[in-house]
Structure formats: structure tokens, C-alpha cells
Amino acid sequence: MTRKIVVIGMMICLGGCTMIPKYTRPAAPVPGAWPTGPAYQQPPAAPEAPLAADLQWRQFFRDNRLQQIIDMALKNNRDLRTAALNVERARGLYRIQRAELLPTVETGFTASKQRATISGGTGLVTLEEYSVKMGISSWELDFFGRIRSLSKRALEEFFATQQARRSAQILLLSEVANAYLTLAADRENLKLAQSTLKTQEEAYHLIRRRFEVGLAPELDLRQVQTRVDAARVDVAKYTELVAQDQNALNLLAGSTVPPELLPEELSAVKPLPDVSPGTSSEVLLRRPDILQAEHLLRAANANIGAARAAFFPRIVLTSAVGTASGDLSGLFKEGSFIWSYSPQVVLPIFDARTWSGLKVTKVDREIAVAQYEKAIQNAFREVADALARKGTLGDQIAAQQSLVEATAKTYRLSTARYEKGIDIYLNVLDAQRSLYSAQQGLIAIRLAKLANQVRLYAVLGGGEGEAPPGGATSSSLR
């Protein structure tokens, strides 16, 4: 009889309904199309360019050295490792909550012995009792879906941690790439500063010899000396920046990056492919941070079902079967079989906490809706900013390249005029300073273009590849 009741109860609690409200995805509070205007390219990408989310990171970051450093980061970075461990933790919490649907079967051995006086007896006697029982302790029959609602919430929270791990991976990839590109740019700036210092030192020695023989005024000598000292300052500054860039890259990689993997200069880095933002902002719904916010919204929605079920009776079953005897040797003899069956029904009549709890869960859902909508709005702005920057950086690079060529020609002409004695050295210094500044500006804009390509790839949800440790699907929860 007890076995039949247990089986029927399991069928009811596993196949019953829940009181979770029907979930409807909120409408995205952003325009369906990307912004247009003078700052944006039309179209924003080549027709054959793939979507960022469809392009694995090895296909986007084609530089072999950078790929090896990213591999190191995916294996050793502590932030990504923490995100993966959070997935494992959420998986365990879900399994704990799901196990509440099933009865907990326990067995135990009890032995008692006491000295007591029995009413009507002649004196003290020793009472002994031994029992072995196996049964179900405090199993709630989930008729109204309270436990299933909590399990649904735990499952959605698990899925949210999975998306958080994906976000952590995408962020890590972009940070490693930016650190790598910044190191390459600073190394190129260091080479430029060293080359400029060498040129200025040669000019200083030439002017000093001309000054010593009376062919150049002292003003020319002091002016070129200022450029030598300025170049020395830049060499020291970029030497420091290169060291700091290497430290940042080592931190992201989780270990020391071998010198042979470090970039020589920015111009040696393989170019990045173009990616398409798609024709609609609906591609943002594939971003892991937005999926994470939606799973948290679903979890809040499921929690309402648990709060609603709290208004209905809770049925708890406790049962046991076993054997008992006053003598240890007779514990398993015929006639020692015992059983117990203790159902309990708790019917809430008045508990103000249930109404407040239901209201809190509904407010939590509204908060989750607002956070979900804000995540979409932030994502839209990030993509729009990256597209605006992409639409203008091409013109900036072309203009800066033209400026470098013009200032280089001006520097050559000024030097030739001074050597022929028809111009003062101050004009040579001004031309050289303008050329050096234009060359630095060109490096900065090239770095900005590459960094913006990385940024656009990341904000469009790119950055997937082979699954790192900690990834899971719903099938792996079983």
C-alpha cells in the first residue's frame, strides 16, 4: 500500500503543472536599423563580410603570435577560470534544487537501553529496543509546482552563468588583442624615438663642428640640443611604456609571454578582417550579456510561480518500513516487521508574508525587465559608437598619411636650404618636429583603427571558438 502511494505521488509531483506566468520576451527598446549619417559608412561593411558571431576568434585574429598568446590566456587567465567555476557552482545548485522533487530514502539502525521502573512491577528492570528502518523523510509532494518553479529558476540562473562565462571570454580576447596591439604600437614609437634621437645627435655633432669653426651661431647649437634632449625624453618614456605593456600582457595571459611571441611593431601585425553588423540591430540578441540578462529575467519569472504556490497547501510525506525487536538476536525474526506512514498537510490560512513575498517577486521581475532592456540599449550604443569610429578612421588615416608625406618633404627641403646657407636652422627644427609628430599621429591612428576593429568584433558578440573548461548545456545537467 505504501509503495503504491509513493509511486502515485511521484507521478503526480513530476507531471503536474506549475503556476509560473507565461513568459513573453520584452520588445527591444532600440531602433531596428543601425544609425546613419556623415559619420557612418554606407554600407557599414563589405557585402561578403561575415557576421561577428559567426566568425570564430582564430578566423578573426590571424596573427600567429597573437593566437598563441590568446591560447595561453584561455588556459591560464584567472578571471576566466573564475567564470568557469561559477558555471560549475550553478550547475551543482541546480542539481540540488531539482533533487527536491525526488524522495530522500534513508536507512538507519537504532538501539536503546534504559533502566526504569515499570508500573506494577517489583523493581527496576532493563528495557532494550533495537530497530532497523528504511524510509522516506519529509518528502514534499509538489502538487502545485512550488519546487518545480524553484528548479526552473535555478536552471535559468545556471544558463545565465554560462552566458557570463561567454562574456568573460569575449572580454578577455579583446583585452589580450588590445594589449598586444598597444605593445606593438609602443615598440614602433620607441623605434621612431630612437631613430629620431640618432638623427638629432648626428645633427648636433655637425652643428657643433660648424659652431667651433665659426660657421654656425650658438643659437643653432642650443636649438638642436633641445631636440636631442626631447628625443631622449621620448626614448625613456616609450621604454617605460613597453615594459608596462608587457606586464599587462603577462597578467592577461596568466603567465610570462615568451619574448619570441611579442610583436616587433604595429606594421608587422597581420590585418584584421572586416565584419558585418548585419542589416538589423536584432543581431544584438545573440550577445552573451543580453542572453544572460534574459535568463535572469526568466528566473525571476519562474520565482513568481513559487510565490503563488505558497498560497496553496503543502503535503509532506514521511514513511518507513523495517524491523524492531526488544532483543538484538530477534531483530530479523518472523513477526518483527514494522511500518509507519505519516502524511502532513499544511494549509496556510493567514500569513501576510505570502502576499508580500508574491509582490516582491513581481517587483523583481520588473527590475529584471529593466536590466534586460538596459543591456540592449548599452549594446546598441556600443555598436553604434564603433560603427561611427569605423566610418571616420579611414579618412583620418588617409589624411594623416598625406600629412606625413608632406612634412617629410618639407623637412628634406628645409635641410637642403640650410645646408646651402639660404635658410636658418630653426626652420629645419620646426620641419623635423612636425614630421616626428605626424609620424607619431599615424601610428596612433593605425592603432585606433585596429583597436576599433577588435571592439566592433567584441560588441557584436564575436569571440567564440573551441569551448573552454566549464562550458555546458542542458543535457550535461542530467
Protein backbone atom coordinates (compact mmCIF):
# COMPACT_ATOMS: atom_id res chain seq x y z
CA MET A 1 0.00 0.00 0.00
CA THR A 2 2.75 2.40 0.95
CA ARG A 3 4.64 1.62 -2.24
CA LYS A 4 1.60 2.43 -4.36
CA ILE A 5 1.11 5.74 -2.61
CA VAL A 6 4.76 6.65 -3.14
CA VAL A 7 4.62 5.78 -6.85
CA ILE A 8 1.39 7.71 -7.36
CA GLY A 9 2.83 10.69 -5.51
CA MET A 10 5.95 10.67 -7.66
CA MET A 11 3.88 10.60 -10.84
CA ILE A 12 1.76 13.50 -9.67
CA CYS A 13 4.62 15.67 -8.48
CA LEU A 14 6.74 15.02 -11.58
CA GLY A 15 3.96 15.52 -14.10
CA GLY A 16 1.90 18.27 -12.52
CA CYS A 17 1.55 21.84 -13.62
CA THR A 18 3.20 24.98 -12.27
CA MET A 19 1.98 28.48 -11.59
CA ILE A 20 4.75 30.21 -13.50
CA PRO A 21 3.37 33.10 -15.61
CA LYS A 22 3.70 32.70 -19.35
CA TYR A 23 6.97 34.26 -20.44
CA THR A 24 6.98 36.85 -23.20
CA ARG A 25 10.24 38.40 -24.34
CA PRO A 26 10.09 42.20 -23.93
CA ALA A 27 10.38 44.27 -27.09
CA ALA A 28 13.84 45.68 -27.71
CA PRO A 29 13.83 49.40 -26.77
CA VAL A 30 16.15 50.37 -29.66
CA PRO A 31 15.67 51.14 -33.36
CA GLY A 32 15.59 48.18 -35.70
CA ALA A 33 18.20 49.71 -38.05
CA TRP A 34 21.68 51.00 -37.32
CA PRO A 35 22.26 54.78 -37.22
CA THR A 36 23.02 56.64 -40.42
CA GLY A 37 24.74 59.94 -41.10
CA PRO A 38 28.04 61.52 -42.14
CA ALA A 39 29.98 59.52 -39.53
CA TYR A 40 28.78 56.13 -40.77
CA GLN A 41 29.84 54.16 -43.81
CA GLN A 42 27.08 53.18 -46.22
CA PRO A 43 27.02 50.21 -46.37
CA PRO A 44 28.77 49.65 -42.99
CA ALA A 45 30.71 46.62 -44.31
CA ALA A 46 31.55 44.74 -47.47
CA PRO A 47 28.66 42.59 -48.76
CA GLU A 48 30.66 39.39 -48.28
CA ALA A 49 31.77 40.26 -44.73
CA PRO A 50 30.55 37.65 -42.19
CA LEU A 51 28.64 38.38 -39.01
CA ALA A 52 30.91 38.70 -36.00
CA ALA A 53 29.03 35.99 -34.07
CA ASP A 54 29.63 33.55 -36.95
CA LEU A 55 33.38 34.23 -37.07
CA GLN A 56 35.49 32.24 -34.62
CA TRP A 57 38.31 34.09 -32.93
CA ARG A 58 41.02 32.16 -34.80
CA GLN A 59 39.47 33.33 -38.07
CA PHE A 60 39.43 36.94 -36.88
CA PHE A 61 42.82 37.13 -35.13
CA ARG A 62 45.02 35.79 -37.89
CA ASP A 63 48.37 36.79 -36.41
CA ASN A 64 50.09 33.56 -35.33
CA ARG A 65 51.83 35.14 -32.34
CA LEU A 66 48.61 36.67 -31.08
CA GLN A 67 46.80 33.34 -31.45
CA GLN A 68 49.37 31.63 -29.24
CA ILE A 69 49.07 34.32 -26.58
CA ILE A 70 45.26 34.01 -26.65
CA ASP A 71 45.63 30.25 -26.18
CA MET A 72 47.73 30.95 -23.09
CA ALA A 73 45.12 33.35 -21.75
CA LEU A 74 42.23 30.92 -22.28
CA LYS A 75 44.11 28.30 -20.28
CA ASN A 76 45.66 30.43 -17.54
CA ASN A 77 43.66 33.63 -17.05
CA ARG A 78 42.23 33.67 -13.52
CA ASP A 79 39.15 35.77 -14.32
CA LEU A 80 38.06 33.30 -16.99
CA ARG A 81 38.81 30.42 -14.66
CA THR A 82 36.60 32.01 -12.00
CA ALA A 83 33.79 32.41 -14.55
CA ALA A 84 34.10 28.72 -15.48
CA LEU A 85 34.00 27.70 -11.81
CA ASN A 86 30.86 29.80 -11.34
CA VAL A 87 29.25 27.69 -14.07
CA GLU A 88 30.16 24.53 -12.17
CA ARG A 89 28.78 26.02 -8.97
CA ALA A 90 25.49 26.99 -10.63
CA ARG A 91 25.21 23.50 -12.10
CA GLY A 92 25.57 22.00 -8.63
CA LEU A 93 22.96 24.35 -7.15
CA TYR A 94 20.50 23.42 -9.89
CA ARG A 95 21.00 19.71 -9.25
CA ILE A 96 20.43 20.28 -5.53
CA GLN A 97 17.18 22.13 -6.20
CA ARG A 98 15.99 19.59 -8.78
CA ALA A 99 16.63 16.76 -6.32
CA GLU A 100 13.91 18.23 -4.08
CA LEU A 101 11.38 16.69 -6.49
CA LEU A 102 12.54 13.20 -5.57
CA PRO A 103 12.12 11.46 -2.20
CA THR A 104 15.12 11.10 0.06
CA VAL A 105 15.41 7.45 1.04
CA GLU A 106 17.35 6.82 4.24
CA THR A 107 18.15 3.82 6.35
CA GLY A 108 19.35 3.63 9.91
CA PHE A 109 19.90 1.41 12.89
CA THR A 110 18.59 2.42 16.30
CA ALA A 111 19.45 0.83 19.62
CA SER A 112 18.23 1.94 23.05
CA LYS A 113 18.75 0.54 26.51
CA GLN A 114 17.43 2.06 29.75
CA ARG A 115 16.92 1.23 33.39
CA ALA A 116 13.42 2.04 34.57
CA THR A 117 10.64 1.07 36.97
CA ILE A 118 7.55 -0.39 35.36
CA SER A 119 4.22 0.45 36.95
CA GLY A 120 3.03 -2.52 38.98
CA GLY A 121 6.44 -4.14 38.85
CA THR A 122 8.59 -5.27 41.71
CA GLY A 123 11.61 -3.13 40.98
CA LEU A 124 13.95 -1.78 38.37
CA VAL A 125 14.14 -3.54 35.01
CA THR A 126 16.28 -3.08 31.95
CA LEU A 127 14.42 -2.18 28.75
CA GLU A 128 16.04 -2.82 25.39
CA GLU A 129 14.85 -1.94 21.89
CA TYR A 130 16.56 -2.43 18.53
CA SER A 131 15.27 -1.41 15.14
CA VAL A 132 16.38 -1.14 11.52
CA LYS A 133 14.32 1.17 9.31
CA MET A 134 14.38 2.39 5.72
CA GLY A 135 12.03 5.07 4.53
CA ILE A 136 11.28 8.49 3.14
CA SER A 137 11.84 11.53 5.32
CA SER A 138 9.89 14.75 4.75
CA TRP A 139 9.17 14.42 1.02
CA GLU A 140 7.02 17.26 -0.26
CA LEU A 141 4.56 16.22 -2.95
CA ASP A 142 4.78 19.08 -5.44
CA PHE A 143 1.11 19.25 -6.43
CA PHE A 144 1.16 23.00 -7.10
CA GLY A 145 4.61 23.32 -8.69
CA ARG A 146 6.45 25.20 -5.96
CA ILE A 147 9.58 23.04 -6.17
CA ARG A 148 9.43 22.86 -9.97
CA SER A 149 9.26 26.64 -10.09
CA LEU A 150 12.34 26.89 -7.90
CA SER A 151 14.08 24.31 -10.08
CA LYS A 152 13.21 26.34 -13.17
CA ARG A 153 14.68 29.44 -11.53
CA ALA A 154 17.89 27.55 -10.66
CA LEU A 155 18.13 26.26 -14.24
CA GLU A 156 17.80 29.74 -15.72
CA GLU A 157 20.40 31.06 -13.28
CA PHE A 158 22.71 28.29 -14.44
CA PHE A 159 22.18 29.30 -18.06
CA ALA A 160 22.91 32.91 -17.05
CA THR A 161 26.29 31.90 -15.60
CA GLN A 162 27.07 30.11 -18.87
CA GLN A 163 26.47 33.35 -20.75
CA ALA A 164 28.53 35.23 -18.16
CA ARG A 165 31.41 32.89 -18.93
CA ARG A 166 30.99 33.61 -22.64
CA SER A 167 31.05 37.34 -21.90
CA ALA A 168 34.20 36.87 -19.85
CA GLN A 169 35.85 35.03 -22.75
CA ILE A 170 34.92 37.72 -25.27
CA LEU A 171 36.20 40.44 -22.93
CA LEU A 172 39.42 38.52 -22.36
CA LEU A 173 40.01 38.08 -26.11
CA SER A 174 39.53 41.79 -26.78
CA GLU A 175 41.75 42.80 -23.85
CA VAL A 176 44.55 40.46 -24.94
CA ALA A 177 44.32 41.73 -28.52
CA ASN A 178 44.33 45.38 -27.41
CA ALA A 179 47.29 44.80 -25.09
CA TYR A 180 49.16 43.07 -27.93
CA LEU A 181 48.40 45.89 -30.37
CA THR A 182 49.30 48.57 -27.82
CA LEU A 183 52.63 46.86 -27.17
CA ALA A 184 53.29 46.73 -30.92
CA ALA A 185 52.44 50.44 -31.29
CA ASP A 186 54.64 51.48 -28.36
CA ARG A 187 57.52 49.39 -29.69
CA GLU A 188 57.13 51.16 -33.03
CA ASN A 189 57.05 54.51 -31.25
CA LEU A 190 60.19 53.51 -29.35
CA LYS A 191 61.97 52.69 -32.62
CA LEU A 192 60.82 56.01 -34.06
CA ALA A 193 62.07 57.89 -30.97
CA GLN A 194 65.42 56.07 -31.11
CA SER A 195 65.76 56.83 -34.82
CA THR A 196 64.89 60.49 -34.19
CA LEU A 197 67.41 60.64 -31.34
CA LYS A 198 70.13 59.25 -33.58
CA THR A 199 69.30 61.78 -36.32
CA GLN A 200 69.30 64.66 -33.83
CA GLU A 201 72.60 63.56 -32.30
CA GLU A 202 74.18 63.47 -35.74
CA ALA A 203 72.81 66.94 -36.44
CA TYR A 204 74.09 68.14 -33.07
CA HIS A 205 77.62 66.93 -33.78
CA LEU A 206 77.52 68.56 -37.23
CA ILE A 207 76.28 71.91 -35.88
CA ARG A 208 78.81 71.80 -33.05
CA ARG A 209 81.68 71.40 -35.52
CA ARG A 210 80.28 74.25 -37.61
CA PHE A 211 79.97 76.35 -34.46
CA GLU A 212 83.54 75.59 -33.41
CA VAL A 213 84.89 76.86 -36.74
CA GLY A 214 82.59 79.88 -36.74
CA LEU A 215 80.22 78.76 -39.48
CA ALA A 216 77.13 78.46 -37.24
CA PRO A 217 75.85 80.68 -34.44
CA GLU A 218 75.49 79.38 -30.90
CA LEU A 219 71.72 79.72 -31.22
CA ASP A 220 71.67 76.90 -33.79
CA LEU A 221 73.71 74.71 -31.46
CA ARG A 222 71.39 75.29 -28.49
CA GLN A 223 68.28 74.77 -30.60
CA VAL A 224 69.43 71.38 -31.88
CA GLN A 225 70.47 70.45 -28.35
CA THR A 226 66.85 70.96 -27.20
CA ARG A 227 65.68 68.48 -29.83
CA VAL A 228 68.30 65.94 -28.69
CA ASP A 229 67.09 66.22 -25.09
CA ALA A 230 63.44 65.99 -26.16
CA ALA A 231 64.20 62.81 -28.14
CA ARG A 232 66.00 61.33 -25.11
CA VAL A 233 62.88 62.00 -23.01
CA ASP A 234 60.70 60.21 -25.56
CA VAL A 235 63.04 57.21 -25.67
CA ALA A 236 62.86 56.90 -21.89
CA LYS A 237 59.07 57.34 -21.91
CA TYR A 238 58.43 54.69 -24.54
CA THR A 239 60.90 52.31 -22.91
CA GLU A 240 58.77 52.55 -19.77
CA LEU A 241 55.53 52.10 -21.71
CA VAL A 242 56.83 49.00 -23.48
CA ALA A 243 57.73 47.44 -20.13
CA GLN A 244 54.28 48.25 -18.73
CA ASP A 245 52.59 46.87 -21.84
CA GLN A 246 54.48 43.60 -21.42
CA ASN A 247 53.41 43.41 -17.77
CA ALA A 248 49.77 43.94 -18.77
CA LEU A 249 50.01 41.24 -21.43
CA ASN A 250 51.60 38.80 -18.96
CA LEU A 251 48.76 39.41 -16.50
CA LEU A 252 46.09 38.74 -19.12
CA ALA A 253 47.91 35.64 -20.39
CA GLY A 254 48.17 34.30 -16.85
CA SER A 255 51.91 33.64 -17.24
CA THR A 256 55.01 35.20 -18.75
CA VAL A 257 54.72 35.53 -22.52
CA PRO A 258 57.86 34.22 -24.28
CA PRO A 259 59.87 37.00 -25.97
CA GLU A 260 59.53 35.33 -29.37
CA LEU A 261 55.75 35.83 -29.22
CA LEU A 262 55.94 39.57 -28.60
CA PRO A 263 55.23 41.82 -31.61
CA GLU A 264 58.07 43.79 -33.18
CA GLU A 265 56.00 46.73 -34.40
CA LEU A 266 52.45 47.59 -35.40
CA SER A 267 53.11 47.42 -39.14
CA ALA A 268 54.17 43.75 -38.76
CA VAL A 269 50.82 42.66 -37.27
CA LYS A 270 48.57 40.84 -39.72
CA PRO A 271 45.49 42.93 -40.67
CA LEU A 272 42.10 42.06 -39.21
CA PRO A 273 39.19 41.08 -41.47
CA ASP A 274 36.08 43.20 -41.84
CA VAL A 275 32.94 42.08 -40.01
CA SER A 276 29.33 42.94 -40.75
CA PRO A 277 26.92 44.31 -38.14
CA GLY A 278 24.02 42.85 -40.09
CA THR A 279 21.11 44.70 -41.56
CA SER A 280 19.18 44.85 -38.28
CA SER A 281 20.01 45.50 -34.65
CA GLU A 282 18.30 42.18 -33.88
CA VAL A 283 21.76 40.59 -34.01
CA LEU A 284 22.33 42.09 -30.55
CA LEU A 285 20.01 39.46 -29.08
CA ARG A 286 22.80 36.93 -29.70
CA ARG A 287 25.22 38.78 -27.43
CA PRO A 288 26.00 36.74 -24.29
CA ASP A 289 25.43 39.62 -21.88
CA ILE A 290 21.93 40.14 -23.31
CA LEU A 291 21.24 36.40 -23.17
CA GLN A 292 22.46 36.44 -19.58
CA ALA A 293 20.03 39.25 -18.73
CA GLU A 294 17.18 37.36 -20.42
CA HIS A 295 17.91 34.16 -18.46
CA LEU A 296 17.87 36.17 -15.24
CA LEU A 297 14.54 37.61 -16.34
CA ARG A 298 13.22 34.09 -16.92
CA ALA A 299 14.49 33.10 -13.48
CA ALA A 300 12.63 36.00 -11.90
CA ASN A 301 9.52 34.98 -13.82
CA ALA A 302 9.80 31.39 -12.53
CA ASN A 303 10.17 32.67 -8.98
CA ILE A 304 6.67 34.14 -9.22
CA GLY A 305 5.34 30.59 -9.70
CA ALA A 306 6.95 29.52 -6.42
CA ALA A 307 5.47 32.55 -4.64
CA ARG A 308 2.00 31.75 -6.00
CA ALA A 309 2.26 28.12 -4.93
CA ALA A 310 2.93 29.28 -1.36
CA PHE A 311 -0.79 30.15 -1.08
CA PHE A 312 -1.79 26.50 -1.50
CA PRO A 313 -1.43 23.51 0.81
CA ARG A 314 1.91 21.76 1.19
CA ILE A 315 1.73 17.99 1.51
CA VAL A 316 4.70 16.31 3.16
CA LEU A 317 5.07 12.56 3.35
CA THR A 318 7.17 10.62 5.86
CA SER A 319 7.18 6.82 5.80
CA ALA A 320 9.35 3.95 6.90
CA VAL A 321 9.49 0.16 6.89
CA GLY A 322 11.77 -2.06 8.88
CA THR A 323 12.11 -4.46 11.75
CA ALA A 324 12.19 -3.98 15.51
CA SER A 325 12.76 -6.20 18.50
CA GLY A 326 13.47 -5.99 22.18
CA ASP A 327 16.33 -8.40 21.66
CA LEU A 328 19.18 -7.87 19.22
CA SER A 329 19.16 -11.55 18.23
CA GLY A 330 15.49 -11.39 17.30
CA LEU A 331 15.77 -8.31 15.12
CA PHE A 332 15.19 -10.14 11.83
CA LYS A 333 12.97 -12.94 13.07
CA GLU A 334 9.42 -13.53 11.89
CA GLY A 335 6.92 -11.12 13.37
CA SER A 336 9.38 -8.22 13.84
CA PHE A 337 8.24 -6.29 10.72
CA ILE A 338 7.11 -2.70 11.37
CA TRP A 339 5.94 0.15 9.19
CA SER A 340 4.89 3.77 9.57
CA TYR A 341 3.16 6.26 7.33
CA SER A 342 2.79 9.90 8.31
CA PRO A 343 1.36 12.37 5.79
CA GLN A 344 1.20 16.02 6.80
CA VAL A 345 -0.86 18.74 5.17
CA VAL A 346 -0.01 22.37 5.92
CA LEU A 347 -2.75 24.73 4.82
CA PRO A 348 -1.92 28.45 5.04
CA ILE A 349 -4.93 30.32 6.41
CA PHE A 350 -3.43 33.70 7.15
CA ASP A 351 0.21 34.60 6.58
CA ALA A 352 0.90 38.16 5.50
CA ARG A 353 4.36 37.13 4.34
CA THR A 354 2.96 35.21 1.37
CA TRP A 355 1.31 38.31 -0.10
CA SER A 356 4.44 40.39 0.46
CA GLY A 357 6.56 37.61 -1.00
CA LEU A 358 4.44 37.49 -4.13
CA LYS A 359 4.70 41.26 -4.52
CA VAL A 360 8.47 41.12 -4.10
CA THR A 361 8.80 38.50 -6.84
CA LYS A 362 6.73 40.62 -9.21
CA VAL A 363 8.88 43.66 -8.47
CA ASP A 364 11.99 41.52 -9.03
CA ARG A 365 10.64 40.61 -12.45
CA GLU A 366 10.11 44.26 -13.34
CA ILE A 367 13.66 45.01 -12.23
CA ALA A 368 14.92 42.17 -14.40
CA VAL A 369 12.94 43.57 -17.36
CA ALA A 370 14.54 46.99 -16.86
CA GLN A 371 18.00 45.45 -16.65
CA TYR A 372 17.36 43.40 -19.78
CA GLU A 373 16.23 46.47 -21.70
CA LYS A 374 19.20 48.49 -20.43
CA ALA A 375 21.58 45.74 -21.58
CA ILE A 376 20.12 46.02 -25.09
CA GLN A 377 20.40 49.82 -25.06
CA ASN A 378 24.03 49.68 -23.90
CA ALA A 379 24.83 47.12 -26.59
CA PHE A 380 23.20 49.28 -29.28
CA ARG A 381 25.23 52.31 -28.23
CA GLU A 382 28.49 50.31 -28.16
CA VAL A 383 27.93 49.06 -31.70
CA ALA A 384 26.82 52.49 -32.93
CA ASP A 385 29.93 54.13 -31.45
CA ALA A 386 32.19 51.52 -33.04
CA LEU A 387 30.47 51.96 -36.42
CA ALA A 388 30.83 55.75 -36.20
CA ARG A 389 34.52 55.40 -35.42
CA LYS A 390 34.97 52.89 -38.22
CA GLY A 391 33.30 55.28 -40.69
CA THR A 392 35.76 58.10 -39.95
CA LEU A 393 39.06 56.33 -39.25
CA GLY A 394 39.65 55.58 -42.92
CA ASP A 395 39.60 59.29 -43.79
CA GLN A 396 41.78 60.06 -40.78
CA ILE A 397 44.43 57.56 -41.85
CA ALA A 398 44.45 58.87 -45.43
CA ALA A 399 44.77 62.46 -44.23
CA GLN A 400 47.48 61.58 -41.70
CA GLN A 401 49.46 59.62 -44.31
CA SER A 402 49.32 62.65 -46.62
CA LEU A 403 50.45 64.85 -43.73
CA VAL A 404 53.46 62.58 -43.06
CA GLU A 405 54.49 62.70 -46.72
CA ALA A 406 54.11 66.49 -46.87
CA THR A 407 56.07 67.12 -43.66
CA ALA A 408 58.79 64.67 -44.75
CA LYS A 409 59.21 66.61 -47.99
CA THR A 410 59.21 69.89 -46.06
CA TYR A 411 61.94 68.53 -43.78
CA ARG A 412 64.10 67.49 -46.73
CA LEU A 413 63.70 70.88 -48.43
CA SER A 414 64.43 72.78 -45.21
CA THR A 415 67.56 70.72 -44.61
CA ALA A 416 68.77 71.32 -48.16
CA ARG A 417 68.13 75.08 -47.89
CA TYR A 418 70.03 75.28 -44.61
CA GLU A 419 72.98 73.34 -45.97
CA LYS A 420 73.15 75.81 -48.89
CA GLY A 421 73.05 78.70 -46.44
CA ILE A 422 69.79 80.23 -47.64
CA ASP A 423 67.66 79.38 -44.59
CA ILE A 424 68.01 79.37 -40.80
CA TYR A 425 68.25 76.17 -38.77
CA LEU A 426 65.10 76.99 -36.83
CA ASN A 427 63.03 76.10 -39.89
CA VAL A 428 64.79 72.75 -40.10
CA LEU A 429 63.94 72.06 -36.46
CA ASP A 430 60.31 73.04 -36.97
CA ALA A 431 60.04 70.76 -40.01
CA GLN A 432 61.67 67.88 -38.15
CA ARG A 433 59.39 68.36 -35.14
CA SER A 434 56.32 68.42 -37.40
CA LEU A 435 57.46 65.24 -39.15
CA TYR A 436 58.06 63.43 -35.86
CA SER A 437 54.64 64.47 -34.56
CA ALA A 438 52.94 63.42 -37.81
CA GLN A 439 54.65 60.00 -37.69
CA GLN A 440 53.51 59.51 -34.09
CA GLY A 441 49.99 60.53 -35.09
CA LEU A 442 49.97 57.99 -37.92
CA ILE A 443 50.95 55.20 -35.52
CA ALA A 444 48.22 56.30 -33.10
CA ILE A 445 45.52 56.31 -35.81
CA ARG A 446 46.59 52.91 -37.14
CA LEU A 447 46.38 51.57 -33.60
CA ALA A 448 42.96 53.17 -33.17
CA LYS A 449 41.73 51.50 -36.36
CA LEU A 450 42.87 48.03 -35.28
CA ALA A 451 41.55 48.53 -31.76
CA ASN A 452 38.18 49.63 -33.14
CA GLN A 453 38.02 46.53 -35.32
CA VAL A 454 38.60 44.43 -32.20
CA ARG A 455 35.98 46.49 -30.38
CA LEU A 456 33.39 46.05 -33.13
CA TYR A 457 34.03 42.31 -33.25
CA ALA A 458 33.53 42.05 -29.48
CA VAL A 459 30.42 44.25 -29.15
CA LEU A 460 28.74 42.31 -31.97
CA GLY A 461 29.14 39.11 -29.96
CA GLY A 462 32.22 37.70 -31.67
CA GLY A 463 34.77 35.70 -29.76
CA GLU A 464 33.62 32.11 -29.80
CA GLY A 465 35.89 29.20 -30.54
CA GLU A 466 36.58 25.83 -29.06
CA ALA A 467 34.68 25.53 -25.79
CA PRO A 468 36.92 26.15 -22.75
CA PRO A 469 36.52 24.22 -19.48
CA GLY A 470 33.27 25.00 -17.71
CA GLY A 471 31.02 25.08 -20.76
CA ALA A 472 27.86 23.02 -20.52
CA THR A 473 24.45 22.51 -21.98
CA SER A 474 21.16 21.44 -20.52
CA SER A 475 21.91 17.82 -21.42
CA SER A 476 25.01 17.85 -19.23
CA LEU A 477 22.89 18.67 -16.18
CA ARG A 478 21.42 15.21 -16.02
